[in-house]
Amino acid sequence: MTQTHFISKDTGQTEFSKDNEPVLTVTPGTGERISFETDDLAYQQMHEHHDLEKVTAKLNAVTGPVFVEGAEPGDVLAVTVHDIEFPGGGWSVYLPGAGALADVMGEEWMTRPIDIVDGEAVLTDGIRCPIRPMIGCIGVAPAEGEMSVVMPSYPTGGNMDLTDAAPGSTVYLPVQVPGALLSIGDLHAVMSRGESSFVAIEAAGVATVSVDVIKPEETSSWKALRAARVETPEEFVFVGIGDPVQTSIQHAYEDLFKYLTLDKGFSNDDAYVVMSAVAHTELGGPTGSKPDPVHPFRAHGAVTLARIEKKYL
């Protein structure tokens, strides 16, 4: 029987750091599963107070970290998402000044409890949509300093807000410290791609994953990853991070090109032609590549995704 470890939301952290003490040690490749519990207390307090200064709960906290035996700098941590469950409903919140609708929404808070009924999120009195559970914040510790759990996105992950980080997918993260130190948080019941409003249908829940470690060959595109990758049942997705946005596009597209040529045997010309036809780019989450020094919820740069269907590989 597959062993499952449960990590309580009480281990929540507000940063990714090599200095955070592991709450669990696992052996990769065994199939043992890790369930990360998250909470929504910050959104409950926002709903109650409509004032961030009165929110005492940790904002966007991540649960963990988990020490993965044998993971060393230069490796890649493969995190396969098996299940995401929500014991209750979720929240829609507008934070004044945040997101692409800040100018039209103005300075008044908006908070709305969102019921989840029969696998659907009840958005308004007349509109429901199927839930599509996903992990908003997933990452491993950086070699130096701390990574915010809010913004920006980092080479080792963070609050990337990718709808592809969902059950059935594997998230690949570049390891920079021994043990990787994996943490997970910010579960979403459903999120518009790109999360341009800055907040999805946020929900407390439990994400269950398993982990493995890849030891890349020197000539592989997996060596020295610049950012995360995601493998879904149908696609490979490459994350590009950079400022300005064109740099993030270039990084994502270059990394897909290297995967085709170094790992899949494409010639440069063939990779170019195939990508010109069927390799799509789009904006990822809204957290960018570096924070605005003035506004805490406004990013500079961008997260771009380059995706290709597996049938072309």
Protein backbone atom coordinates (compact mmCIF):
# COMPACT_ATOMS: atom_id res chain seq x y z
CA MET A 1 0.00 0.00 0.00
CA THR A 2 1.27 3.48 -0.89
CA GLN A 3 2.25 5.49 2.17
CA THR A 4 0.69 8.94 2.55
CA HIS A 5 2.13 11.69 4.75
CA PHE A 6 -0.07 14.55 5.94
CA ILE A 7 1.39 18.02 6.56
CA SER A 8 -0.81 20.40 8.53
CA LYS A 9 -1.52 23.97 7.53
CA ASP A 10 0.02 24.87 10.88
CA THR A 11 3.44 24.58 9.23
CA GLY A 12 2.58 27.50 6.93
CA GLN A 13 5.46 29.79 5.92
CA THR A 14 5.47 33.22 4.28
CA GLU A 15 8.68 32.61 2.34
CA PHE A 16 10.71 29.95 0.59
CA SER A 17 14.11 29.76 2.27
CA LYS A 18 16.94 27.28 2.76
CA ASP A 19 16.81 28.27 6.44
CA ASN A 20 13.28 26.90 6.96
CA GLU A 21 13.43 23.65 8.94
CA PRO A 22 11.97 20.65 7.07
CA VAL A 23 8.79 19.22 8.56
CA LEU A 24 9.12 15.93 6.68
CA THR A 25 11.80 13.89 4.90
CA VAL A 26 10.84 11.61 2.00
CA THR A 27 12.59 9.25 -0.37
CA PRO A 28 11.98 10.11 -4.04
CA GLY A 29 10.69 7.62 -6.58
CA THR A 30 8.96 5.38 -4.03
CA GLY A 31 5.44 6.53 -4.88
CA GLU A 32 4.83 7.67 -1.31
CA ARG A 33 2.41 10.56 -1.29
CA ILE A 34 2.47 13.84 0.58
CA SER A 35 -0.72 15.74 1.41
CA PHE A 36 -0.25 19.48 1.97
CA GLU A 37 -3.09 21.16 3.87
CA THR A 38 -3.71 24.87 3.25
CA ASP A 39 -6.08 27.39 4.83
CA ASP A 40 -8.11 30.42 3.78
CA LEU A 41 -8.05 32.35 7.06
CA ALA A 42 -6.56 35.44 5.40
CA TYR A 43 -9.53 35.63 3.01
CA GLN A 44 -11.99 35.15 5.86
CA GLN A 45 -10.37 38.10 7.64
CA MET A 46 -10.43 40.21 4.47
CA HIS A 47 -14.13 39.48 4.17
CA GLU A 48 -14.68 40.50 7.77
CA HIS A 49 -12.55 43.66 7.89
CA HIS A 50 -12.01 44.94 4.30
CA ASP A 51 -8.67 46.19 5.58
CA LEU A 52 -5.30 44.48 5.02
CA GLU A 53 -3.89 46.08 8.17
CA LYS A 54 -6.41 44.06 10.20
CA VAL A 55 -5.49 40.77 8.53
CA THR A 56 -3.37 38.86 11.02
CA ALA A 57 -3.32 35.54 9.16
CA LYS A 58 -0.38 34.67 6.96
CA LEU A 59 -1.07 35.83 3.39
CA ASN A 60 -0.72 33.14 0.73
CA ALA A 61 1.20 30.89 3.13
CA VAL A 62 2.85 27.72 1.84
CA THR A 63 2.87 24.45 3.76
CA GLY A 64 6.19 22.67 4.33
CA PRO A 65 8.98 22.43 3.53
CA VAL A 66 9.70 18.81 2.64
CA PHE A 67 13.28 17.53 2.44
CA VAL A 68 13.75 15.15 -0.50
CA GLU A 69 16.57 12.69 0.06
CA GLY A 70 19.24 12.72 -2.65
CA ALA A 71 18.13 16.00 -4.24
CA GLU A 72 21.18 18.15 -4.92
CA PRO A 73 21.83 21.50 -6.62
CA GLY A 74 21.65 21.00 -10.37
CA ASP A 75 19.01 18.28 -10.12
CA VAL A 76 15.37 18.65 -11.10
CA LEU A 77 12.54 17.88 -8.67
CA ALA A 78 9.54 16.26 -10.36
CA VAL A 79 6.33 16.89 -8.40
CA THR A 80 3.35 14.89 -9.64
CA VAL A 81 -0.04 16.23 -8.54
CA HIS A 82 -2.46 13.40 -7.77
CA ASP A 83 -5.41 15.09 -6.12
CA ILE A 84 -6.73 18.38 -4.75
CA GLU A 85 -9.71 18.36 -2.41
CA PHE A 86 -11.73 21.20 -0.89
CA PRO A 87 -13.64 20.61 2.35
CA GLY A 88 -15.73 23.76 1.92
CA GLY A 89 -16.25 26.72 -0.38
CA GLY A 90 -13.96 29.45 -1.60
CA TRP A 91 -13.58 33.20 -1.93
CA SER A 92 -13.53 35.89 -4.59
CA VAL A 93 -11.75 39.02 -3.39
CA TYR A 94 -10.89 42.34 -5.00
CA LEU A 95 -7.91 44.02 -3.36
CA PRO A 96 -8.00 47.75 -4.16
CA GLY A 97 -5.17 48.63 -6.52
CA ALA A 98 -4.41 45.04 -7.53
CA GLY A 99 -4.87 43.42 -10.93
CA ALA A 100 -5.92 44.50 -14.40
CA LEU A 101 -9.34 45.71 -13.20
CA ALA A 102 -8.01 48.06 -10.54
CA ASP A 103 -8.93 51.23 -12.44
CA VAL A 104 -12.52 50.19 -13.06
CA MET A 105 -13.10 48.56 -9.65
CA GLY A 106 -11.77 51.59 -7.77
CA GLU A 107 -10.93 51.84 -4.09
CA GLU A 108 -13.79 49.84 -2.59
CA TRP A 109 -13.16 46.28 -1.46
CA MET A 110 -15.22 43.43 -2.86
CA THR A 111 -15.36 40.05 -1.11
CA ARG A 112 -17.72 37.21 -1.89
CA PRO A 113 -17.97 33.72 -0.39
CA ILE A 114 -18.20 31.17 -3.22
CA ASP A 115 -20.09 27.94 -2.60
CA ILE A 116 -18.87 24.74 -4.23
CA VAL A 117 -21.82 22.50 -5.05
CA ASP A 118 -21.67 19.22 -6.98
CA GLY A 119 -18.29 20.06 -8.44
CA GLU A 120 -19.27 23.56 -9.51
CA ALA A 121 -18.39 27.01 -8.18
CA VAL A 122 -21.46 29.21 -7.65
CA LEU A 123 -20.20 32.53 -9.01
CA THR A 124 -23.45 34.52 -9.07
CA ASP A 125 -27.14 33.79 -8.56
CA GLY A 126 -27.37 32.57 -12.15
CA ILE A 127 -23.86 31.51 -13.14
CA ARG A 128 -21.89 28.44 -12.14
CA CYS A 129 -18.76 26.89 -13.59
CA PRO A 130 -17.02 23.55 -13.11
CA ILE A 131 -14.20 23.66 -10.59
CA ARG A 132 -10.72 23.00 -11.97
CA PRO A 133 -8.53 22.53 -8.89
CA MET A 134 -4.93 23.74 -9.17
CA ILE A 135 -1.91 24.77 -7.12
CA GLY A 136 -1.14 28.49 -7.29
CA CYS A 137 2.10 28.51 -5.30
CA ILE A 138 4.64 25.69 -5.59
CA GLY A 139 8.39 25.91 -5.31
CA VAL A 140 11.68 24.89 -3.77
CA ALA A 141 14.15 26.98 -1.78
CA PRO A 142 16.56 29.34 -3.55
CA ALA A 143 20.30 29.06 -3.02
CA GLU A 144 20.43 32.49 -1.40
CA GLY A 145 17.95 34.77 0.32
CA GLU A 146 14.21 34.32 0.51
CA MET A 147 11.44 33.98 -2.07
CA SER A 148 8.13 35.75 -1.45
CA VAL A 149 5.01 33.59 -1.54
CA VAL A 150 3.08 36.46 -3.17
CA MET A 151 5.26 37.90 -5.92
CA PRO A 152 7.24 37.74 -8.13
CA SER A 153 7.76 34.31 -9.72
CA TYR A 154 11.25 32.83 -9.45
CA PRO A 155 13.44 30.34 -11.30
CA THR A 156 12.68 27.81 -8.55
CA GLY A 157 8.92 28.41 -8.70
CA GLY A 158 6.83 30.38 -6.24
CA ASN A 159 3.44 31.98 -6.82
CA MET A 160 3.36 31.18 -10.56
CA ASP A 161 -0.44 30.71 -10.71
CA LEU A 162 -0.45 28.17 -13.53
CA THR A 163 -3.72 26.40 -14.30
CA ASP A 164 -1.58 23.52 -15.60
CA ALA A 165 -0.38 22.71 -12.03
CA ALA A 166 -3.39 20.45 -11.60
CA PRO A 167 -4.15 16.80 -10.87
CA GLY A 168 -2.60 14.60 -13.53
CA SER A 169 0.30 16.99 -14.17
CA THR A 170 3.95 16.97 -13.13
CA VAL A 171 5.69 20.21 -12.16
CA TYR A 172 9.47 20.24 -12.70
CA LEU A 173 11.51 22.57 -10.48
CA PRO A 174 15.27 23.28 -10.58
CA VAL A 175 16.94 22.30 -7.30
CA GLN A 176 19.33 24.85 -5.77
CA VAL A 177 19.81 23.51 -2.22
CA PRO A 178 20.31 20.02 -0.77
CA GLY A 179 16.96 18.33 -0.21
CA ALA A 180 15.17 20.84 -2.49
CA LEU A 181 12.82 21.93 0.37
CA LEU A 182 9.46 21.72 -1.39
CA SER A 183 6.52 23.84 -0.20
CA ILE A 184 2.99 24.15 -1.58
CA GLY A 185 0.12 26.59 -0.98
CA ASP A 186 -2.47 28.91 -2.55
CA LEU A 187 -4.98 26.34 -3.81
CA HIS A 188 -7.59 27.50 -6.31
CA ALA A 189 -10.97 25.93 -6.98
CA VAL A 190 -10.93 27.53 -10.42
CA MET A 191 -8.90 30.32 -12.03
CA SER A 192 -9.04 32.22 -15.30
CA ARG A 193 -5.87 31.60 -17.29
CA GLY A 194 -3.42 34.38 -16.48
CA GLU A 195 -5.30 35.40 -13.31
CA SER A 196 -5.38 38.98 -14.60
CA SER A 197 -7.71 40.00 -11.76
CA PHE A 198 -4.88 38.93 -9.41
CA VAL A 199 -7.18 36.70 -7.34
CA ALA A 200 -8.82 33.42 -8.37
CA ILE A 201 -11.53 31.47 -6.57
CA GLU A 202 -9.31 30.91 -3.55
CA ALA A 203 -10.05 27.90 -1.36
CA ALA A 204 -8.64 26.01 1.61
CA GLY A 205 -7.90 22.41 0.79
CA VAL A 206 -5.46 19.53 0.58
CA ALA A 207 -3.11 18.88 -2.35
CA THR A 208 -1.62 15.40 -2.61
CA VAL A 209 1.60 14.89 -4.58
CA SER A 210 4.52 12.51 -5.01
CA VAL A 211 8.11 13.40 -5.85
CA ASP A 212 11.02 12.11 -7.86
CA VAL A 213 14.49 13.45 -8.64
CA ILE A 214 15.99 13.79 -12.11
CA LYS A 215 19.78 13.79 -12.49
CA PRO A 216 20.18 15.57 -15.85
CA GLU A 217 22.87 14.64 -18.36
CA GLU A 218 25.27 17.41 -19.30
CA THR A 219 23.88 17.61 -22.85
CA SER A 220 20.24 17.63 -21.78
CA SER A 221 17.92 20.65 -21.83
CA TRP A 222 17.10 19.73 -18.23
CA LYS A 223 20.57 20.79 -17.12
CA ALA A 224 20.56 24.18 -15.34
CA LEU A 225 16.86 24.98 -15.86
CA ARG A 226 16.09 28.70 -15.98
CA ALA A 227 12.54 28.18 -14.69
CA ALA A 228 9.87 25.57 -14.03
CA ARG A 229 8.32 23.23 -16.55
CA VAL A 230 4.95 21.46 -16.41
CA GLU A 231 3.95 18.24 -18.11
CA THR A 232 0.21 17.74 -18.45
CA PRO A 233 -1.44 14.63 -19.91
CA GLU A 234 -1.59 16.42 -23.28
CA GLU A 235 1.17 19.06 -23.33
CA PHE A 236 4.60 20.18 -22.27
CA VAL A 237 4.66 23.72 -20.87
CA PHE A 238 7.82 25.82 -20.48
CA VAL A 239 7.89 28.82 -18.13
CA GLY A 240 9.75 31.96 -19.13
CA ILE A 241 10.44 34.74 -16.61
CA GLY A 242 11.83 38.14 -17.53
CA ASP A 243 11.57 41.92 -17.81
CA PRO A 244 10.44 43.26 -20.23
CA VAL A 245 7.75 40.82 -21.34
CA GLN A 246 9.63 40.07 -24.56
CA THR A 247 12.46 38.58 -22.50
CA SER A 248 10.04 36.19 -20.80
CA ILE A 249 8.67 35.17 -24.21
CA GLN A 250 12.18 34.57 -25.53
CA HIS A 251 13.19 32.49 -22.51
CA ALA A 252 10.11 30.27 -22.70
CA TYR A 253 10.42 29.77 -26.46
CA GLU A 254 14.19 29.14 -26.29
CA ASP A 255 13.72 26.53 -23.58
CA LEU A 256 11.12 24.69 -25.66
CA PHE A 257 13.49 24.88 -28.66
CA LYS A 258 16.33 23.37 -26.59
CA TYR A 259 14.03 20.58 -25.42
CA LEU A 260 13.15 19.70 -29.02
CA THR A 261 16.73 19.81 -30.30
CA LEU A 262 18.67 18.41 -27.34
CA ASP A 263 16.19 15.86 -25.97
CA LYS A 264 13.86 14.92 -28.82
CA GLY A 265 16.32 14.82 -31.74
CA PHE A 266 14.88 17.65 -33.84
CA SER A 267 17.22 19.55 -36.14
CA ASN A 268 17.28 23.31 -35.58
CA ASP A 269 15.36 23.84 -38.81
CA ASP A 270 12.72 21.24 -37.98
CA ALA A 271 12.27 22.66 -34.48
CA TYR A 272 11.86 26.15 -35.91
CA VAL A 273 9.21 25.07 -38.43
CA VAL A 274 7.26 22.98 -35.93
CA MET A 275 7.29 25.71 -33.31
CA SER A 276 6.17 28.27 -35.87
CA ALA A 277 3.08 26.17 -36.48
CA VAL A 278 2.08 24.53 -33.20
CA ALA A 279 4.07 25.97 -30.24
CA HIS A 280 1.86 28.53 -28.56
CA THR A 281 2.76 31.30 -26.11
CA GLU A 282 0.56 33.03 -23.58
CA LEU A 283 0.91 35.01 -20.38
CA GLY A 284 1.20 32.94 -17.23
CA GLY A 285 0.31 34.20 -13.78
CA PRO A 286 0.26 37.92 -12.92
CA THR A 287 3.19 38.01 -10.49
CA GLY A 288 5.89 39.01 -13.00
CA SER A 289 9.65 38.67 -12.65
CA LYS A 290 10.28 41.37 -10.04
CA PRO A 291 8.08 43.39 -7.67
CA ASP A 292 7.14 47.03 -7.95
CA PRO A 293 9.08 48.82 -5.16
CA VAL A 294 6.14 51.19 -4.61
CA HIS A 295 3.03 49.01 -4.99
CA PRO A 296 3.05 45.63 -3.18
CA PHE A 297 0.61 43.99 -5.61
CA ARG A 298 1.97 45.25 -8.91
CA ALA A 299 4.66 43.39 -10.82
CA HIS A 300 7.29 44.31 -13.36
CA GLY A 301 8.15 41.92 -16.16
CA ALA A 302 6.13 38.85 -16.96
CA VAL A 303 5.65 35.11 -16.74
CA THR A 304 5.18 33.62 -20.21
CA LEU A 305 4.25 30.04 -21.09
CA ALA A 306 5.32 28.23 -24.25
CA ARG A 307 3.28 25.08 -24.81
CA ILE A 308 3.26 22.25 -27.31
CA GLU A 309 1.05 19.20 -27.59
CA LYS A 310 2.82 15.90 -26.97
CA LYS A 311 1.54 14.43 -30.23
CA TYR A 312 4.08 16.61 -32.07
CA LEU A 313 7.07 15.36 -30.05
